[in-house]
């Protein structure tokens, strides 16, 4: 049976790492469920959600040319339409919150302004650092007895 993107399969958890879990699919094919694809909530430790030999339903989200298979447990769960609409909308950059998006210009410093401010601060810090360290070490060209 060929593994196709979008198909839902059952598999057995064969290994758990800090970045996800390996799931054995039919025919001895193994795929990886990344930690971000285990649950809708934040997953700090994979062991809190999965154990070795657990049977899970997964959705195939990608198949690389070299045979690596990306799986998702959270996308395999069918959600009622009313729950899907309750999620906060994503912003223009794909995030779900934080500061509102402002186009560059209007009240924001440009890259060149930030760069010149950084260079000025950096030069002042470097001058101060050199002044303090050279006096303690005798400075450049200082005579040693």
C-alpha atoms as a PDB file:
ATOM      1  CA  UNK A   1       0.000   0.000   0.000  1.00  0.00           C
ATOM      2  CA  UNK A   2       1.405   3.367  -1.002  1.00  0.00           C
ATOM      3  CA  UNK A   3       1.491   6.118   1.596  1.00  0.00           C
ATOM      4  CA  UNK A   4      -0.299   9.201   0.227  1.00  0.00           C
ATOM      5  CA  UNK A   5      -0.408  12.711   1.649  1.00  0.00           C
ATOM      6  CA  UNK A   6      -3.747  13.369   3.342  1.00  0.00           C
ATOM      7  CA  UNK A   7      -4.546   9.738   4.130  1.00  0.00           C
ATOM      8  CA  UNK A   8      -5.413   8.686   7.683  1.00  0.00           C
ATOM      9  CA  UNK A   9      -3.813   5.514   9.012  1.00  0.00           C
ATOM     10  CA  UNK A  10      -3.441   3.618  12.253  1.00  0.00           C
ATOM     11  CA  UNK A  11      -0.014   2.896  13.596  1.00  0.00           C
ATOM     12  CA  UNK A  12       1.889   1.836  16.679  1.00  0.00           C
ATOM     13  CA  UNK A  13       4.293   4.122  18.544  1.00  0.00           C
ATOM     14  CA  UNK A  14       7.720   2.464  18.337  1.00  0.00           C
ATOM     15  CA  UNK A  15       9.979   5.193  19.671  1.00  0.00           C
ATOM     16  CA  UNK A  16       9.816   8.463  21.560  1.00  0.00           C
ATOM     17  CA  UNK A  17      12.380  11.276  21.420  1.00  0.00           C
ATOM     18  CA  UNK A  18      12.468  14.831  22.766  1.00  0.00           C
ATOM     19  CA  UNK A  19      11.312  16.133  19.353  1.00  0.00           C
ATOM     20  CA  UNK A  20       8.518  13.682  18.586  1.00  0.00           C
ATOM     21  CA  UNK A  21       7.481  10.064  18.218  1.00  0.00           C
ATOM     22  CA  UNK A  22       8.134   7.391  15.609  1.00  0.00           C
ATOM     23  CA  UNK A  23       5.055   5.502  14.447  1.00  0.00           C
ATOM     24  CA  UNK A  24       5.168   2.153  12.619  1.00  0.00           C
ATOM     25  CA  UNK A  25       2.594   2.114   9.826  1.00  0.00           C
ATOM     26  CA  UNK A  26       1.443  -0.885   7.811  1.00  0.00           C
ATOM     27  CA  UNK A  27       4.124  -2.817   5.952  1.00  0.00           C
ATOM     28  CA  UNK A  28       6.989  -1.874   8.273  1.00  0.00           C
ATOM     29  CA  UNK A  29       7.035   1.758   7.132  1.00  0.00           C
ATOM     30  CA  UNK A  30       7.911   4.241   9.877  1.00  0.00           C
ATOM     31  CA  UNK A  31       6.967   7.918  10.065  1.00  0.00           C
ATOM     32  CA  UNK A  32       7.648  10.746  12.511  1.00  0.00           C
ATOM     33  CA  UNK A  33       5.047  12.720  14.439  1.00  0.00           C
ATOM     34  CA  UNK A  34       6.773  15.987  15.333  1.00  0.00           C
ATOM     35  CA  UNK A  35       6.134  17.301  18.858  1.00  0.00           C
ATOM     36  CA  UNK A  36       4.134  20.212  17.396  1.00  0.00           C
ATOM     37  CA  UNK A  37       1.762  17.754  15.695  1.00  0.00           C
ATOM     38  CA  UNK A  38       0.916  15.624  18.760  1.00  0.00           C
ATOM     39  CA  UNK A  39      -1.801  17.780  20.349  1.00  0.00           C
ATOM     40  CA  UNK A  40      -3.597  21.097  19.862  1.00  0.00           C
ATOM     41  CA  UNK A  41      -2.227  22.306  23.207  1.00  0.00           C
ATOM     42  CA  UNK A  42       1.432  22.960  24.047  1.00  0.00           C
ATOM     43  CA  UNK A  43       3.405  19.727  24.444  1.00  0.00           C
ATOM     44  CA  UNK A  44       6.378  20.070  26.777  1.00  0.00           C
ATOM     45  CA  UNK A  45       7.163  16.380  27.078  1.00  0.00           C
ATOM     46  CA  UNK A  46       6.103  13.764  24.527  1.00  0.00           C
ATOM     47  CA  UNK A  47       5.973  11.118  27.275  1.00  0.00           C
ATOM     48  CA  UNK A  48       3.000  12.944  28.848  1.00  0.00           C
ATOM     49  CA  UNK A  49       0.904  12.244  25.720  1.00  0.00           C
ATOM     50  CA  UNK A  50       2.255   9.023  24.225  1.00  0.00           C
ATOM     51  CA  UNK A  51       3.780   5.743  25.339  1.00  0.00           C
ATOM     52  CA  UNK A  52       5.601   3.013  23.434  1.00  0.00           C
ATOM     53  CA  UNK A  53       3.151   0.515  21.826  1.00  0.00           C
ATOM     54  CA  UNK A  54       0.238   3.006  21.874  1.00  0.00           C
ATOM     55  CA  UNK A  55      -1.985   2.611  18.805  1.00  0.00           C
ATOM     56  CA  UNK A  56      -2.720   6.022  17.288  1.00  0.00           C
ATOM     57  CA  UNK A  57      -4.542   7.389  14.281  1.00  0.00           C
ATOM     58  CA  UNK A  58      -2.305   9.653  12.211  1.00  0.00           C
ATOM     59  CA  UNK A  59      -2.654  11.757   9.093  1.00  0.00           C
ATOM     60  CA  UNK A  60       0.138  11.788   6.507  1.00  0.00           C
ATOM     61  CA  UNK A  61       1.159  15.441   6.073  1.00  0.00           C
ATOM     62  CA  UNK A  62       4.219  15.003   3.864  1.00  0.00           C
ATOM     63  CA  UNK A  63       6.395  12.414   2.145  1.00  0.00           C
ATOM     64  CA  UNK A  64       9.929  13.491   1.236  1.00  0.00           C
ATOM     65  CA  UNK A  65      11.857  12.275  -1.802  1.00  0.00           C
ATOM     66  CA  UNK A  66      14.230  10.355   0.464  1.00  0.00           C
ATOM     67  CA  UNK A  67      11.345   8.397   2.002  1.00  0.00           C
ATOM     68  CA  UNK A  68      10.832  10.341   5.238  1.00  0.00           C
ATOM     69  CA  UNK A  69       7.176  10.478   6.231  1.00  0.00           C
ATOM     70  CA  UNK A  70       5.747  13.343   8.286  1.00  0.00           C
ATOM     71  CA  UNK A  71       2.700  12.476  10.374  1.00  0.00           C
ATOM     72  CA  UNK A  72       0.212  14.373  12.518  1.00  0.00           C
ATOM     73  CA  UNK A  73      -2.000  13.123  15.336  1.00  0.00           C
ATOM     74  CA  UNK A  74      -3.758  16.429  15.902  1.00  0.00           C
ATOM     75  CA  UNK A  75      -4.764  16.803  12.227  1.00  0.00           C
ATOM     76  CA  UNK A  76      -6.135  13.231  12.204  1.00  0.00           C
ATOM     77  CA  UNK A  77      -8.805  14.135  14.763  1.00  0.00           C
ATOM     78  CA  UNK A  78     -11.996  15.375  13.115  1.00  0.00           C
ATOM     79  CA  UNK A  79     -13.248  18.485  14.880  1.00  0.00           C
ATOM     80  CA  UNK A  80     -16.856  19.667  14.789  1.00  0.00           C
ATOM     81  CA  UNK A  81     -17.311  22.788  12.618  1.00  0.00           C
ATOM     82  CA  UNK A  82     -18.321  24.941  15.614  1.00  0.00           C
ATOM     83  CA  UNK A  83     -14.997  24.222  17.354  1.00  0.00           C
ATOM     84  CA  UNK A  84     -13.006  25.095  14.244  1.00  0.00           C
ATOM     85  CA  UNK A  85     -14.620  28.542  14.094  1.00  0.00           C
ATOM     86  CA  UNK A  86     -13.901  29.314  17.777  1.00  0.00           C
ATOM     87  CA  UNK A  87     -10.147  29.478  17.225  1.00  0.00           C
ATOM     88  CA  UNK A  88      -8.804  33.026  17.054  1.00  0.00           C
ATOM     89  CA  UNK A  89      -8.088  34.152  13.498  1.00  0.00           C
ATOM     90  CA  UNK A  90      -4.513  34.197  12.341  1.00  0.00           C
ATOM     91  CA  UNK A  91      -2.832  37.519  11.678  1.00  0.00           C
ATOM     92  CA  UNK A  92      -1.222  38.553   8.393  1.00  0.00           C
ATOM     93  CA  UNK A  93       2.035  36.849   9.385  1.00  0.00           C
ATOM     94  CA  UNK A  94       0.383  33.615  10.470  1.00  0.00           C
ATOM     95  CA  UNK A  95       0.495  34.344  14.209  1.00  0.00           C
ATOM     96  CA  UNK A  96      -2.436  34.299  16.592  1.00  0.00           C
ATOM     97  CA  UNK A  97      -1.873  37.322  18.706  1.00  0.00           C
ATOM     98  CA  UNK A  98       0.719  39.740  19.931  1.00  0.00           C
ATOM     99  CA  UNK A  99       1.075  43.191  18.467  1.00  0.00           C
ATOM    100  CA  UNK A 100      -1.151  44.186  15.584  1.00  0.00           C
ATOM    101  CA  UNK A 101       0.557  44.314  12.222  1.00  0.00           C
ATOM    102  CA  UNK A 102       1.658  47.803  11.153  1.00  0.00           C
ATOM    103  CA  UNK A 103       3.024  48.471   7.711  1.00  0.00           C
ATOM    104  CA  UNK A 104       6.464  50.077   7.679  1.00  0.00           C
ATOM    105  CA  UNK A 105       6.475  53.845   7.693  1.00  0.00           C
ATOM    106  CA  UNK A 106       3.982  55.671   9.936  1.00  0.00           C
ATOM    107  CA  UNK A 107       5.730  56.112  13.287  1.00  0.00           C
ATOM    108  CA  UNK A 108       8.256  53.314  12.921  1.00  0.00           C
ATOM    109  CA  UNK A 109      11.998  53.666  12.625  1.00  0.00           C
ATOM    110  CA  UNK A 110      13.439  52.453   9.349  1.00  0.00           C
ATOM    111  CA  UNK A 111      16.199  49.903   9.111  1.00  0.00           C
ATOM    112  CA  UNK A 112      18.762  52.612   8.321  1.00  0.00           C
ATOM    113  CA  UNK A 113      17.755  54.556  11.453  1.00  0.00           C
ATOM    114  CA  UNK A 114      18.104  51.465  13.613  1.00  0.00           C
ATOM    115  CA  UNK A 115      21.433  50.582  12.038  1.00  0.00           C
ATOM    116  CA  UNK A 116      22.920  54.054  12.547  1.00  0.00           C
ATOM    117  CA  UNK A 117      21.724  54.091  16.183  1.00  0.00           C
ATOM    118  CA  UNK A 118      23.268  50.655  16.737  1.00  0.00           C
ATOM    119  CA  UNK A 119      26.599  51.693  15.197  1.00  0.00           C
ATOM    120  CA  UNK A 120      26.727  54.847  17.331  1.00  0.00           C
ATOM    121  CA  UNK A 121      25.989  52.910  20.545  1.00  0.00           C
ATOM    122  CA  UNK A 122      28.450  50.212  19.588  1.00  0.00           C
ATOM    123  CA  UNK A 123      31.237  52.738  18.926  1.00  0.00           C
ATOM    124  CA  UNK A 124      30.609  54.418  22.287  1.00  0.00           C
ATOM    125  CA  UNK A 125      30.728  51.088  24.120  1.00  0.00           C
ATOM    126  CA  UNK A 126      33.888  50.023  22.304  1.00  0.00           C
ATOM    127  CA  UNK A 127      35.625  53.332  23.117  1.00  0.00           C
ATOM    128  CA  UNK A 128      34.645  53.033  26.769  1.00  0.00           C
ATOM    129  CA  UNK A 129      35.815  49.412  26.887  1.00  0.00           C
ATOM    130  CA  UNK A 130      39.180  50.240  25.326  1.00  0.00           C
ATOM    131  CA  UNK A 131      39.688  53.174  27.678  1.00  0.00           C
ATOM    132  CA  UNK A 132      39.047  51.033  30.749  1.00  0.00           C
ATOM    133  CA  UNK A 133      41.074  47.980  29.727  1.00  0.00           C
ATOM    134  CA  UNK A 134      44.107  49.770  28.325  1.00  0.00           C
ATOM    135  CA  UNK A 135      44.663  51.767  31.498  1.00  0.00           C
ATOM    136  CA  UNK A 136      44.612  48.554  33.544  1.00  0.00           C
ATOM    137  CA  UNK A 137      47.043  46.726  31.275  1.00  0.00           C
ATOM    138  CA  UNK A 138      49.388  49.586  30.723  1.00  0.00           C
ATOM    139  CA  UNK A 139      47.974  50.619  27.376  1.00  0.00           C
ATOM    140  CA  UNK A 140      49.559  50.242  23.992  1.00  0.00           C
ATOM    141  CA  UNK A 141      53.258  50.809  23.809  1.00  0.00           C
ATOM    142  CA  UNK A 142      53.441  51.152  27.561  1.00  0.00           C
ATOM    143  CA  UNK A 143      56.828  50.468  29.079  1.00  0.00           C
ATOM    144  CA  UNK A 144      57.229  47.421  31.205  1.00  0.00           C
ATOM    145  CA  UNK A 145      59.886  47.197  33.860  1.00  0.00           C
END
